[in-house]
Protein backbone atom coordinates (compact mmCIF):
# COMPACT_ATOMS: atom_id res chain seq x y z
CA MET A 1 237.46 86.90 -121.98
CA GLN A 2 236.85 89.33 -124.68
CA SER A 3 234.57 92.13 -124.06
CA PRO A 4 231.13 92.47 -126.10
CA PRO A 5 231.27 94.30 -129.28
CA ARG A 6 230.73 98.22 -129.04
CA PHE A 7 227.32 98.06 -130.64
CA MET A 8 226.12 95.36 -127.90
CA ARG A 9 227.46 97.60 -125.21
CA GLN A 10 225.52 100.40 -126.59
CA CYS A 11 222.25 98.58 -127.13
CA ALA A 12 222.51 97.34 -123.29
CA SER A 13 223.06 100.99 -122.33
CA LEU A 14 220.20 102.28 -124.40
CA GLN A 15 217.91 99.45 -122.84
CA ALA A 16 218.94 100.48 -119.35
CA LEU A 17 218.02 104.14 -120.16
CA ARG A 18 214.60 103.06 -121.43
CA ASP A 19 213.53 100.97 -118.35
CA PRO A 20 215.87 101.27 -115.52
CA SER A 21 213.37 99.67 -113.18
CA MET A 22 214.08 96.17 -111.69
CA ASN A 23 211.52 93.51 -112.83
CA LYS A 24 210.64 90.35 -110.92
CA SER A 25 213.14 87.88 -112.40
CA GLU A 26 215.87 90.56 -111.66
CA LEU A 27 214.78 90.86 -108.26
CA ILE A 28 214.69 87.00 -107.83
CA ASP A 29 218.12 86.86 -109.27
CA ALA A 30 219.58 89.46 -106.76
CA ILE A 31 217.95 87.80 -103.78
CA ALA A 32 219.30 84.63 -104.73
CA ASP A 33 222.81 85.90 -105.35
CA ALA A 34 222.65 87.66 -101.74
CA SER A 35 221.03 84.69 -99.78
CA GLY A 36 222.69 81.72 -101.49
CA GLN A 37 219.27 80.07 -101.95
CA THR A 38 218.10 78.93 -105.37
CA LYS A 39 216.10 81.19 -107.77
CA THR A 40 213.21 78.55 -107.31
CA GLU A 41 213.03 78.82 -103.64
CA ILE A 42 213.11 82.65 -103.85
CA GLY A 43 210.52 82.72 -106.58
CA LYS A 44 208.15 80.61 -104.35
CA THR A 45 208.81 82.90 -101.21
CA LEU A 46 208.48 85.99 -103.18
CA ASP A 47 205.08 84.75 -104.70
CA ALA A 48 203.93 83.74 -101.19
CA LEU A 49 204.96 87.23 -99.72
CA LEU A 50 203.15 89.10 -102.44
CA GLU A 51 199.90 86.91 -102.21
CA THR A 52 200.03 87.33 -98.30
CA VAL A 53 200.44 91.09 -98.54
CA THR A 54 197.59 91.37 -101.29
CA ALA A 55 195.21 89.22 -99.37
CA THR A 56 195.79 90.94 -96.06
CA VAL A 57 195.38 94.53 -97.54
CA ALA A 58 192.22 93.35 -99.60
CA LYS A 59 190.71 92.48 -96.23
CA GLY A 60 191.31 95.95 -95.11
CA GLU A 61 194.04 95.20 -92.70
CA PRO A 62 197.48 97.04 -92.95
CA VAL A 63 200.85 95.14 -93.47
CA ALA A 64 203.65 96.89 -91.55
CA LEU A 65 207.26 95.91 -92.16
CA ALA A 66 209.35 97.72 -89.82
CA GLY A 67 212.01 100.15 -91.52
CA PHE A 68 210.48 99.33 -94.92
CA GLY A 69 207.01 100.52 -94.76
CA THR A 70 203.41 99.89 -94.56
CA PHE A 71 200.94 98.66 -97.11
CA LYS A 72 197.39 99.52 -96.56
CA ALA A 73 193.92 100.12 -98.14
CA THR A 74 192.61 103.73 -98.35
CA HIS A 75 189.10 104.84 -99.18
CA ARG A 76 188.32 107.50 -102.00
CA ALA A 77 185.22 109.23 -101.60
CA ALA A 78 183.07 109.81 -104.73
CA ARG A 79 183.67 113.15 -106.41
CA GLU A 80 182.93 115.18 -109.67
CA GLY A 81 185.64 114.99 -112.26
CA ARG A 82 186.03 116.27 -115.80
CA ASN A 83 186.15 114.41 -119.05
CA PRO A 84 189.69 115.78 -120.43
CA ALA A 85 188.34 115.35 -124.11
CA THR A 86 185.09 117.24 -123.81
CA GLY A 87 185.44 119.09 -120.46
CA ALA A 88 182.16 117.63 -119.53
CA ALA A 89 181.42 116.90 -115.72
CA ILE A 90 181.44 113.38 -114.69
CA GLN A 91 180.78 111.41 -111.43
CA VAL A 92 183.73 109.55 -110.23
CA PRO A 93 182.61 106.88 -108.03
CA GLU A 94 183.86 105.95 -104.75
CA SER A 95 186.70 103.40 -104.42
CA THR A 96 189.19 101.63 -102.29
CA VAL A 97 192.86 101.67 -103.37
CA PRO A 98 196.06 100.03 -102.20
CA LYS A 99 198.74 102.61 -100.81
CA PHE A 100 202.28 102.32 -99.59
CA GLN A 101 203.75 104.51 -97.06
CA PRO A 102 207.46 104.18 -96.96
CA GLY A 103 209.14 103.77 -93.39
CA ALA A 104 211.96 106.16 -92.25
CA THR A 105 214.85 103.78 -92.86
CA PHE A 106 213.84 103.19 -96.47
CA LYS A 107 213.16 106.79 -97.00
CA ASN A 108 216.60 107.78 -95.57
CA ARG A 109 218.29 105.09 -97.54
CA VAL A 110 216.63 106.46 -100.90
CA ALA A 111 217.43 110.02 -100.10
CA ASN A 112 221.01 109.38 -99.39
CA LYS A 113 221.10 107.22 -102.67
CA GLY A 114 222.65 104.21 -101.03
């Protein structure tokens, strides 16, 4: 099989430099390759996982995955901020936001780059 033309390889390299993050379909492909399951099965499983984590955290309950990390909701108190355009003081209302705290295994794997 002949390799792609040079300009196509360069375009692919430039695209990788612009957005090196893995998107949902690439994640599904990687899991399907590793598990031997179909992409459709993996897609449904991933959607169910994300919906379950989101609904659980929205109820105020944490989701802990040993070795990977914990998803939880945290409260941010109301505070005074500044409008960056004018410098005027503004009130930032209190809010509840999602937070992810990585586990030790995940942190070590990322720190060692592999």
